[in-house]
């Protein structure tokens, strides 16, 4: 994790409202086998445990995962939408 943080932008929070680092998302994928945005946000990091982390945080986390996993743009949009649906309470 220290190497990822030292690598630059991954050492920054996902957004001003979400202190989870980009490096934590990468760690969740590489070391904890997270393959969906919801898994990384809700189960593998603390980004979403206290509520919706905010759209900017979801979009940044999805972009990091997309780079690592080779997601096309439409898959990124679907991952963000699926994660946001978790927070929609009927």
N, C-alpha and C. Protein backbone atom coordinates (compact mmCIF):
# COMPACT_ATOMS: atom_id res chain seq x y z
N UNK A 1 0.83 -1.18 0.00
CA UNK A 1 0.00 0.00 0.00
C UNK A 1 0.88 1.25 0.00
N UNK A 2 1.96 1.23 0.72
CA UNK A 2 2.83 2.40 0.76
C UNK A 2 3.38 2.76 -0.62
N UNK A 3 3.72 1.72 -1.41
CA UNK A 3 4.21 1.99 -2.77
C UNK A 3 3.13 2.63 -3.62
N UNK A 4 1.89 2.19 -3.46
CA UNK A 4 0.79 2.77 -4.23
C UNK A 4 0.57 4.22 -3.83
N UNK A 5 0.62 4.49 -2.54
CA UNK A 5 0.42 5.86 -2.05
C UNK A 5 1.54 6.76 -2.55
N UNK A 6 2.76 6.25 -2.52
CA UNK A 6 3.90 7.03 -2.97
C UNK A 6 3.89 7.28 -4.47
N UNK A 7 3.09 6.50 -5.19
CA UNK A 7 3.06 6.60 -6.65
C UNK A 7 2.38 7.87 -7.15
N UNK A 8 1.84 8.70 -6.28
CA UNK A 8 1.25 9.95 -6.72
C UNK A 8 -0.23 10.06 -6.44
N UNK A 9 -1.05 10.18 -7.51
CA UNK A 9 -2.47 10.46 -7.32
C UNK A 9 -3.23 9.38 -6.53
N UNK A 10 -2.71 8.17 -6.49
CA UNK A 10 -3.40 7.14 -5.72
C UNK A 10 -3.31 7.40 -4.22
N UNK A 11 -2.43 8.28 -3.82
CA UNK A 11 -2.32 8.65 -2.42
C UNK A 11 -3.29 9.74 -1.99
N UNK A 12 -4.10 10.19 -2.93
CA UNK A 12 -5.07 11.24 -2.64
C UNK A 12 -6.44 10.65 -2.35
N UNK A 13 -7.25 11.35 -1.54
CA UNK A 13 -8.61 10.87 -1.27
C UNK A 13 -9.43 10.79 -2.56
N UNK A 14 -10.45 9.94 -2.53
CA UNK A 14 -11.33 9.81 -3.70
C UNK A 14 -12.04 11.12 -4.02
N UNK A 15 -12.34 11.90 -3.00
CA UNK A 15 -12.97 13.21 -3.18
C UNK A 15 -12.79 13.99 -1.88
N UNK A 16 -13.09 15.29 -1.90
CA UNK A 16 -13.00 16.06 -0.66
C UNK A 16 -13.93 15.53 0.44
N UNK A 17 -15.02 14.90 0.05
CA UNK A 17 -15.98 14.39 1.03
C UNK A 17 -15.73 12.94 1.43
N UNK A 18 -14.80 12.27 0.75
CA UNK A 18 -14.54 10.84 1.01
C UNK A 18 -13.04 10.64 1.21
N UNK A 19 -12.61 10.37 2.44
CA UNK A 19 -11.19 10.26 2.72
C UNK A 19 -10.51 8.98 2.25
N UNK A 20 -11.26 8.02 1.74
CA UNK A 20 -10.66 6.77 1.25
C UNK A 20 -9.71 7.10 0.11
N UNK A 21 -8.52 6.53 0.17
CA UNK A 21 -7.50 6.80 -0.85
C UNK A 21 -7.72 5.95 -2.09
N UNK A 22 -7.29 6.47 -3.22
CA UNK A 22 -7.33 5.69 -4.45
C UNK A 22 -6.54 4.40 -4.30
N UNK A 23 -5.44 4.45 -3.56
CA UNK A 23 -4.63 3.26 -3.33
C UNK A 23 -5.41 2.15 -2.64
N UNK A 24 -6.37 2.52 -1.81
CA UNK A 24 -7.20 1.52 -1.13
C UNK A 24 -8.08 0.77 -2.13
N UNK A 25 -8.51 1.45 -3.17
CA UNK A 25 -9.31 0.80 -4.21
C UNK A 25 -8.44 -0.21 -4.96
N UNK A 26 -7.23 0.20 -5.31
CA UNK A 26 -6.30 -0.70 -6.00
C UNK A 26 -6.00 -1.91 -5.10
N UNK A 27 -5.73 -1.66 -3.85
CA UNK A 27 -5.46 -2.76 -2.91
C UNK A 27 -6.65 -3.72 -2.84
N UNK A 28 -7.85 -3.15 -2.79
CA UNK A 28 -9.06 -3.99 -2.73
C UNK A 28 -9.15 -4.91 -3.94
N UNK A 29 -8.75 -4.41 -5.10
CA UNK A 29 -8.77 -5.25 -6.31
C UNK A 29 -7.66 -6.28 -6.30
N UNK A 30 -6.46 -5.82 -6.07
CA UNK A 30 -5.29 -6.70 -6.19
C UNK A 30 -5.16 -7.72 -5.06
N UNK A 31 -5.52 -7.33 -3.85
CA UNK A 31 -5.28 -8.19 -2.70
C UNK A 31 -6.54 -8.83 -2.13
N UNK A 32 -7.70 -8.23 -2.41
CA UNK A 32 -8.94 -8.74 -1.84
C UNK A 32 -9.95 -9.17 -2.90
N UNK A 33 -9.53 -9.19 -4.15
CA UNK A 33 -10.32 -9.70 -5.26
C UNK A 33 -11.62 -8.95 -5.54
N UNK A 34 -11.66 -7.66 -5.24
CA UNK A 34 -12.84 -6.86 -5.59
C UNK A 34 -12.89 -6.69 -7.10
N UNK A 35 -14.02 -7.02 -7.71
CA UNK A 35 -14.16 -6.87 -9.16
C UNK A 35 -15.35 -5.99 -9.55
N UNK A 36 -16.09 -5.53 -8.55
CA UNK A 36 -17.16 -4.58 -8.82
C UNK A 36 -16.95 -3.34 -7.95
N UNK A 37 -17.46 -2.23 -8.43
CA UNK A 37 -17.36 -0.99 -7.67
C UNK A 37 -18.07 -1.12 -6.32
N UNK A 38 -19.25 -1.71 -6.32
CA UNK A 38 -19.99 -1.87 -5.07
C UNK A 38 -19.20 -2.68 -4.05
N UNK A 39 -18.54 -3.73 -4.50
CA UNK A 39 -17.74 -4.54 -3.59
C UNK A 39 -16.60 -3.71 -3.00
N UNK A 40 -15.91 -2.97 -3.84
CA UNK A 40 -14.79 -2.15 -3.35
C UNK A 40 -15.27 -1.07 -2.40
N UNK A 41 -16.36 -0.41 -2.73
CA UNK A 41 -16.86 0.71 -1.92
C UNK A 41 -17.53 0.23 -0.63
N UNK A 42 -18.33 -0.80 -0.72
CA UNK A 42 -19.14 -1.21 0.43
C UNK A 42 -18.49 -2.25 1.33
N UNK A 43 -17.64 -3.09 0.78
CA UNK A 43 -17.11 -4.19 1.58
C UNK A 43 -15.60 -4.18 1.77
N UNK A 44 -14.88 -3.68 0.82
CA UNK A 44 -13.41 -3.80 0.87
C UNK A 44 -12.72 -2.54 1.37
N UNK A 45 -13.43 -1.42 1.41
CA UNK A 45 -12.88 -0.18 1.97
C UNK A 45 -13.95 0.42 2.88
N UNK A 46 -13.60 1.52 3.51
CA UNK A 46 -14.57 2.20 4.37
C UNK A 46 -15.29 3.32 3.63
N UNK A 47 -15.12 3.41 2.33
CA UNK A 47 -15.69 4.52 1.56
C UNK A 47 -17.20 4.64 1.71
N UNK A 48 -17.90 3.52 1.76
CA UNK A 48 -19.36 3.60 1.78
C UNK A 48 -20.01 3.09 3.05
N UNK A 49 -19.24 2.85 4.08
CA UNK A 49 -19.84 2.23 5.28
C UNK A 49 -20.72 3.18 6.08
N UNK A 50 -20.53 4.48 5.95
CA UNK A 50 -21.35 5.41 6.71
C UNK A 50 -22.40 6.11 5.85
N UNK A 51 -22.56 5.64 4.63
CA UNK A 51 -23.52 6.24 3.72
C UNK A 51 -22.89 6.48 2.37
N UNK A 52 -23.66 7.06 1.50
CA UNK A 52 -23.22 7.35 0.13
C UNK A 52 -21.97 8.22 0.19
N UNK A 53 -20.88 7.79 -0.45
CA UNK A 53 -19.64 8.58 -0.41
C UNK A 53 -19.65 9.79 -1.34
N UNK A 54 -20.70 9.92 -2.15
CA UNK A 54 -20.79 11.03 -3.10
C UNK A 54 -20.43 10.57 -4.51
N UNK A 55 -21.10 11.15 -5.46
CA UNK A 55 -20.89 10.77 -6.86
C UNK A 55 -19.44 10.97 -7.31
N UNK A 56 -18.76 12.07 -6.92
CA UNK A 56 -17.36 12.23 -7.34
C UNK A 56 -16.46 11.08 -6.84
N UNK A 57 -16.68 10.62 -5.63
CA UNK A 57 -15.88 9.51 -5.10
C UNK A 57 -16.16 8.23 -5.87
N UNK A 58 -17.43 7.98 -6.18
CA UNK A 58 -17.77 6.78 -6.95
C UNK A 58 -17.15 6.84 -8.33
N UNK A 59 -17.22 7.99 -8.96
CA UNK A 59 -16.66 8.12 -10.30
C UNK A 59 -15.15 7.96 -10.31
N UNK A 60 -14.49 8.50 -9.31
CA UNK A 60 -13.02 8.34 -9.26
C UNK A 60 -12.64 6.90 -8.98
N UNK A 61 -13.33 6.26 -8.05
CA UNK A 61 -13.05 4.84 -7.76
C UNK A 61 -13.31 3.99 -8.99
N UNK A 62 -14.40 4.29 -9.70
CA UNK A 62 -14.71 3.53 -10.92
C UNK A 62 -13.64 3.75 -11.99
N UNK A 63 -13.12 4.96 -12.10
CA UNK A 63 -12.06 5.23 -13.08
C UNK A 63 -10.79 4.46 -12.74
N UNK A 64 -10.48 4.39 -11.46
CA UNK A 64 -9.30 3.62 -11.02
C UNK A 64 -9.50 2.15 -11.35
N UNK A 65 -10.68 1.63 -11.05
CA UNK A 65 -10.95 0.22 -11.34
C UNK A 65 -10.96 -0.03 -12.85
N UNK A 66 -11.50 0.91 -13.60
CA UNK A 66 -11.55 0.76 -15.06
C UNK A 66 -10.15 0.67 -15.64
N UNK A 67 -9.25 1.48 -15.14
CA UNK A 67 -7.87 1.45 -15.62
C UNK A 67 -7.24 0.10 -15.31
N UNK A 68 -7.45 -0.37 -14.11
CA UNK A 68 -6.85 -1.63 -13.66
C UNK A 68 -7.48 -2.85 -14.34
N UNK A 69 -8.80 -2.81 -14.53
CA UNK A 69 -9.52 -3.98 -15.04
C UNK A 69 -9.91 -3.89 -16.52
N UNK A 70 -9.63 -2.76 -17.15
CA UNK A 70 -9.91 -2.63 -18.57
C UNK A 70 -11.39 -2.44 -18.90
N UNK A 71 -12.11 -1.77 -18.01
CA UNK A 71 -13.53 -1.53 -18.28
C UNK A 71 -13.71 -0.49 -19.38
N UNK A 72 -14.66 -0.72 -20.30
CA UNK A 72 -15.02 0.33 -21.27
C UNK A 72 -15.94 1.35 -20.61
N UNK A 73 -16.12 2.53 -21.23
CA UNK A 73 -16.94 3.59 -20.62
C UNK A 73 -18.35 3.15 -20.21
N UNK A 74 -19.02 2.33 -21.04
CA UNK A 74 -20.38 1.94 -20.67
C UNK A 74 -20.38 1.04 -19.42
N UNK A 75 -19.33 0.29 -19.22
CA UNK A 75 -19.24 -0.55 -18.02
C UNK A 75 -19.00 0.33 -16.79
N UNK A 76 -18.21 1.37 -16.94
CA UNK A 76 -17.98 2.31 -15.84
C UNK A 76 -19.30 2.90 -15.39
N UNK A 77 -20.09 3.38 -16.35
CA UNK A 77 -21.40 3.98 -16.04
C UNK A 77 -22.30 2.97 -15.33
N UNK A 78 -22.30 1.73 -15.80
CA UNK A 78 -23.14 0.69 -15.18
C UNK A 78 -22.69 0.40 -13.76
N UNK A 79 -21.40 0.39 -13.50
CA UNK A 79 -20.89 0.13 -12.15
C UNK A 79 -21.28 1.25 -11.20
N UNK A 80 -21.16 2.49 -11.64
CA UNK A 80 -21.55 3.62 -10.79
C UNK A 80 -23.05 3.56 -10.51
N UNK A 81 -23.85 3.29 -11.54
CA UNK A 81 -25.30 3.20 -11.35
C UNK A 81 -25.68 2.07 -10.40
N UNK A 82 -25.03 0.93 -10.54
CA UNK A 82 -25.32 -0.21 -9.66
C UNK A 82 -24.97 0.12 -8.22
N UNK A 83 -23.86 0.79 -8.02
CA UNK A 83 -23.46 1.16 -6.66
C UNK A 83 -24.43 2.18 -6.08
N UNK A 84 -24.85 3.14 -6.87
CA UNK A 84 -25.80 4.14 -6.36
C UNK A 84 -27.14 3.52 -6.01
N UNK A 85 -27.55 2.48 -6.74
CA UNK A 85 -28.83 1.81 -6.43
C UNK A 85 -28.83 1.21 -5.02
N UNK A 86 -27.67 0.83 -4.54
CA UNK A 86 -27.58 0.26 -3.19
C UNK A 86 -28.07 1.28 -2.16
N UNK A 87 -27.81 2.56 -2.43
CA UNK A 87 -28.18 3.61 -1.49
C UNK A 87 -29.61 4.10 -1.65
N UNK A 88 -30.29 3.70 -2.72
CA UNK A 88 -31.68 4.09 -2.92
C UNK A 88 -32.56 3.26 -2.01
N UNK A 89 -33.14 3.90 -1.04
CA UNK A 89 -34.03 3.19 -0.11
C UNK A 89 -35.46 3.45 -0.54
N UNK A 90 -36.21 2.35 -0.81
CA UNK A 90 -37.59 2.54 -1.27
C UNK A 90 -38.49 3.12 -0.19
